């Protein structure tokens, strides 16, 4: 049996975050990948949905349960399409994911008292990127996709980070 340890900082209130945690756990278990998962933790002044640590890599995920079309870019607010036909602004989740990965790096650097590599980050739409959305593709800073893409985001992480036993 593979060792996957899960630490939950506070109750997970959003279904999208629970679904991402469940999917990550099932994938890691099925593929025999030992991991440490931190769920719903505060790092500095940032709330982080998930940190998935495997040997040599870490992935910070920001989960969104938006089901209507969204639009936005790398900068500025995003908008969600409402049933009324109007667009409602909300905080840019791409920038949110970047801020969370930087908060993790700052916490790791403080703990290690040394420079550490940047963790990976992903913006996960649960269950999928809503049809009709106009959003950027992922880049080297943040991967963007639906829940079904989480396994690819995990397996394609840069492996230049901490060993699993360092976590």
Foldseek 3Di string as FASTA:
>chain_A
DAAEAEAEPDDDDDPQLVLLVVLVVVLCVVVSFYWYKYAQDDQPNATFGIWTDGFQAIETEDEDAAAAAKEDELDDWIWGQDPVRDTDTDHDVNVSQLVVQVSVQVRVCVVVVHHWDGHAYEYEYVQWNHPPYHYDADDRRYHYIYSVCVVVSVVPTDRRGHGRVVD
